Amino acid sequence: MQSEIPLTPALSPSDGAREKPICAPTHSPEGVVSENVQRDSLSPSDGERAGVRGCFNSIVTAKVAVDDQTFLRQFEESTLPRDQWHHREHVRTAYLYLTRYSFEDALHRMRQGVKALNAAHGTPETPGRGYHETMTQAWIRLVDFALREHGPARNGDEFYERHPELSQPRVLRLFYSQELLSSPEAKMNFVPPDLAPFPVPRSKS
């Protein structure tokens, strides 16, 4: 998809229901809050106050799920925020297109959408950044395999959660050498794997 995060893009948090903050302070044996605060020598009362601050921060930053239709519209309109466009969203977009269109049409829409979103985000087209044709095709092929082999889910998030094998960007290392995947040719055009072929779904007949 984007070569600026070719092998290790930061994965976004779970996009399920609203993340429920844990408001009860978590204390160490010494009575110090162990999360959301520095572990400097705080007294128990300091820890309790820090726990409240941590709870407040969790509430403020809680993430509300976006339904598939809204998410896809944001992608197609290039309004999806940059900090909400990571590997998870790449897989989700591929899945949503594959459940709506033919493989070729899904690939075309994915390609055009990623390029447009990159432009909206101001991502430069350089040898190490920007749109990467081989990565885009590799991932949509892997998502297509999982979809055809195991079937659809209720929504894009559920599909992603059902397939942890798709959550690791480094999985492309099973198919491509670093030299090939980082080559200018692979960025501009699709090149087949040089280490192992992509999996092929079993016949359902």
Protein backbone atom coordinates (compact mmCIF):
# COMPACT_ATOMS: atom_id res chain seq x y z
CA MET A 1 0.00 0.00 0.00
CA GLN A 2 2.17 2.94 1.13
CA SER A 3 5.89 2.41 1.02
CA GLU A 4 6.49 4.92 3.79
CA ILE A 5 5.37 2.13 6.11
CA PRO A 6 6.34 -0.92 4.02
CA LEU A 7 7.02 -3.53 6.62
CA THR A 8 6.26 -2.17 10.05
CA PRO A 9 3.42 0.40 10.01
CA ALA A 10 1.97 1.24 13.40
CA LEU A 11 -1.17 -0.76 13.94
CA SER A 12 -4.24 1.17 15.01
CA PRO A 13 -6.14 0.25 18.16
CA SER A 14 -9.12 -2.04 18.01
CA ASP A 15 -12.04 -0.44 16.21
CA GLY A 16 -14.74 -2.35 18.03
CA ALA A 17 -17.18 -0.73 20.41
CA ARG A 18 -16.13 2.39 22.31
CA GLU A 19 -13.08 1.57 24.37
CA LYS A 20 -14.09 1.54 28.00
CA PRO A 21 -11.62 3.40 30.21
CA ILE A 22 -10.51 1.79 33.40
CA CYS A 23 -11.23 4.43 36.02
CA ALA A 24 -10.10 2.53 39.08
CA PRO A 25 -6.44 3.33 39.78
CA THR A 26 -4.11 0.36 39.48
CA HIS A 27 -1.65 0.26 42.36
CA SER A 28 1.65 -1.42 42.79
CA PRO A 29 2.40 -3.19 46.10
CA GLU A 30 3.70 0.15 47.34
CA GLY A 31 0.40 1.85 46.57
CA VAL A 32 1.68 3.72 43.51
CA VAL A 33 -0.41 3.94 40.34
CA SER A 34 1.25 1.70 37.76
CA GLU A 35 -0.38 3.09 34.60
CA ASN A 36 -0.86 6.54 33.03
CA VAL A 37 1.71 8.19 35.35
CA GLN A 38 5.45 8.27 35.85
CA ARG A 39 6.69 5.79 38.41
CA ASP A 40 8.52 8.42 40.42
CA SER A 41 8.24 8.18 44.18
CA LEU A 42 4.58 9.17 44.49
CA SER A 43 2.69 8.82 47.70
CA PRO A 44 -0.56 6.80 47.68
CA SER A 45 -2.59 10.01 47.64
CA ASP A 46 -0.57 11.28 44.68
CA GLY A 47 -1.15 7.97 42.97
CA GLU A 48 -4.89 8.19 43.48
CA ARG A 49 -4.97 11.70 42.03
CA ALA A 50 -2.85 10.54 39.11
CA GLY A 51 -5.23 7.65 38.56
CA VAL A 52 -8.11 10.10 38.22
CA ARG A 53 -6.11 12.09 35.67
CA GLY A 54 -5.37 8.89 33.77
CA CYS A 55 -9.05 7.99 33.76
CA PHE A 56 -9.95 11.44 32.46
CA ASN A 57 -7.36 11.15 29.68
CA SER A 58 -8.77 7.75 28.73
CA ILE A 59 -12.26 9.20 28.45
CA VAL A 60 -11.07 12.10 26.33
CA THR A 61 -9.11 9.86 23.96
CA ALA A 62 -11.67 7.04 23.81
CA LYS A 63 -12.24 5.92 20.23
CA VAL A 64 -15.69 5.53 18.79
CA ALA A 65 -16.17 2.88 16.14
CA VAL A 66 -16.86 4.04 12.60
CA ASP A 67 -19.22 1.85 10.59
CA ASP A 68 -18.03 0.38 7.29
CA GLN A 69 -20.10 2.69 5.11
CA THR A 70 -18.82 5.83 6.83
CA PHE A 71 -15.26 4.56 6.82
CA LEU A 72 -15.37 3.73 3.10
CA ARG A 73 -16.92 7.10 2.29
CA GLN A 74 -14.13 8.86 4.19
CA PHE A 75 -11.56 6.83 2.29
CA GLU A 76 -13.11 7.55 -1.10
CA GLU A 77 -13.50 11.25 -0.32
CA SER A 78 -9.91 11.41 0.98
CA THR A 79 -11.12 12.80 4.30
CA LEU A 80 -9.81 9.96 6.47
CA PRO A 81 -7.37 11.56 8.96
CA ARG A 82 -3.73 10.64 8.55
CA ASP A 83 -3.54 9.26 12.09
CA GLN A 84 -6.38 6.87 11.25
CA TRP A 85 -4.73 5.41 8.16
CA HIS A 86 -2.52 2.51 9.17
CA HIS A 87 -2.11 -1.14 8.29
CA ARG A 88 -5.39 -2.15 9.89
CA GLU A 89 -7.28 0.35 7.73
CA HIS A 90 -5.51 -0.89 4.60
CA VAL A 91 -6.75 -4.42 5.31
CA ARG A 92 -10.23 -3.18 6.18
CA THR A 93 -10.47 -1.21 2.93
CA ALA A 94 -9.32 -4.18 0.85
CA TYR A 95 -11.89 -6.42 2.53
CA LEU A 96 -14.74 -3.96 2.03
CA TYR A 97 -13.96 -3.55 -1.66
CA LEU A 98 -13.57 -7.29 -2.21
CA THR A 99 -17.00 -7.92 -0.70
CA ARG A 100 -18.55 -5.33 -3.00
CA TYR A 101 -16.72 -5.62 -6.31
CA SER A 102 -14.76 -8.00 -8.50
CA PHE A 103 -11.09 -8.46 -7.70
CA GLU A 104 -9.96 -6.21 -10.58
CA ASP A 105 -12.45 -3.49 -9.71
CA ALA A 106 -11.53 -3.71 -6.02
CA LEU A 107 -7.85 -3.39 -6.89
CA HIS A 108 -8.52 -0.39 -9.13
CA ARG A 109 -10.55 1.37 -6.44
CA MET A 110 -7.92 0.58 -3.82
CA ARG A 111 -5.13 1.93 -6.01
CA GLN A 112 -6.92 5.15 -6.87
CA GLY A 113 -8.09 5.68 -3.30
CA VAL A 114 -4.67 5.23 -1.74
CA LYS A 115 -3.06 7.59 -4.24
CA ALA A 116 -5.73 10.23 -3.62
CA LEU A 117 -5.46 9.86 0.15
CA ASN A 118 -1.67 10.15 -0.03
CA ALA A 119 -2.07 13.39 -1.96
CA ALA A 120 -4.57 14.71 0.58
CA HIS A 121 -2.15 13.87 3.38
CA GLY A 122 0.74 15.50 1.57
CA THR A 123 2.71 12.27 1.36
CA PRO A 124 5.54 12.80 -1.14
CA GLU A 125 6.24 10.34 -3.94
CA THR A 126 9.85 9.35 -3.32
CA PRO A 127 11.74 6.03 -3.58
CA GLY A 128 11.02 5.35 0.08
CA ARG A 129 7.55 6.89 0.46
CA GLY A 130 4.24 7.13 -1.35
CA TYR A 131 2.19 4.60 -3.25
CA HIS A 132 3.66 1.10 -3.67
CA GLU A 133 2.01 -1.04 -6.35
CA THR A 134 3.45 -4.41 -5.32
CA MET A 135 2.53 -3.95 -1.67
CA THR A 136 -0.99 -2.90 -2.59
CA GLN A 137 -1.48 -5.94 -4.79
CA ALA A 138 0.21 -8.31 -2.35
CA TRP A 139 -2.09 -7.32 0.49
CA ILE A 140 -5.29 -7.34 -1.51
CA ARG A 141 -4.36 -10.84 -2.73
CA LEU A 142 -3.80 -12.05 0.83
CA VAL A 143 -7.07 -10.51 1.99
CA ASP A 144 -8.84 -12.09 -1.00
CA PHE A 145 -7.42 -15.48 -0.06
CA ALA A 146 -8.64 -15.19 3.54
CA LEU A 147 -12.06 -14.03 2.37
CA ARG A 148 -12.51 -16.80 -0.20
CA GLU A 149 -11.10 -19.51 2.04
CA HIS A 150 -12.85 -18.61 5.30
CA GLY A 151 -15.79 -16.46 4.24
CA PRO A 152 -16.93 -12.95 5.14
CA ALA A 153 -17.53 -11.46 8.56
CA ARG A 154 -20.25 -9.13 9.79
CA ASN A 155 -18.06 -6.09 9.14
CA GLY A 156 -14.52 -5.03 8.30
CA ASP A 157 -13.35 -4.84 11.90
CA GLU A 158 -14.62 -8.33 12.69
CA PHE A 159 -12.87 -9.69 9.61
CA TYR A 160 -9.59 -8.13 10.74
CA GLU A 161 -9.96 -9.57 14.25
CA ARG A 162 -10.73 -13.03 12.84
CA HIS A 163 -7.50 -13.04 10.84
CA PRO A 164 -4.51 -12.21 13.02
CA GLU A 165 -2.29 -13.51 10.23
CA LEU A 166 -3.22 -10.36 8.33
CA SER A 167 -2.34 -8.05 11.22
CA GLN A 168 1.43 -8.36 10.79
CA PRO A 169 2.91 -6.28 7.96
CA ARG A 170 6.08 -8.36 8.19
CA VAL A 171 4.20 -11.32 6.74
CA LEU A 172 5.26 -10.08 3.31
CA ARG A 173 8.76 -11.23 4.22
CA LEU A 174 7.51 -14.78 3.72
CA PHE A 175 6.94 -13.98 0.05
CA TYR A 176 9.38 -11.22 -0.87
CA SER A 177 13.03 -10.57 -0.27
CA GLN A 178 13.84 -7.15 1.11
CA GLU A 179 15.84 -6.38 -2.01
CA LEU A 180 12.92 -7.02 -4.35
CA LEU A 181 10.22 -5.35 -2.26
CA SER A 182 12.29 -2.19 -1.82
CA SER A 183 13.26 -1.98 -5.48
CA PRO A 184 12.01 0.88 -7.72
CA GLU A 185 10.41 -1.68 -10.05
CA ALA A 186 8.31 -3.16 -7.24
CA LYS A 187 7.17 0.30 -6.21
CA MET A 188 6.07 1.28 -9.71
CA ASN A 189 4.71 -2.05 -10.98
CA PHE A 190 3.51 -5.32 -9.52
CA VAL A 191 6.22 -7.98 -9.35
CA PRO A 192 5.47 -11.56 -8.27
CA PRO A 193 7.02 -12.94 -5.07
CA ASP A 194 10.57 -14.28 -5.27
CA LEU A 195 10.56 -16.39 -2.09
CA ALA A 196 7.21 -18.21 -2.09
CA PRO A 197 3.99 -17.98 -4.14
CA PHE A 198 0.83 -16.48 -2.70
CA PRO A 199 -1.61 -19.05 -1.26
CA VAL A 200 -4.45 -20.24 -3.49
CA PRO A 201 -7.93 -20.93 -2.03
CA ARG A 202 -9.15 -24.49 -2.17
CA SER A 203 -11.96 -25.23 -4.58
CA LYS A 204 -15.36 -24.80 -2.93
CA SER A 205 -17.14 -27.02 -5.46
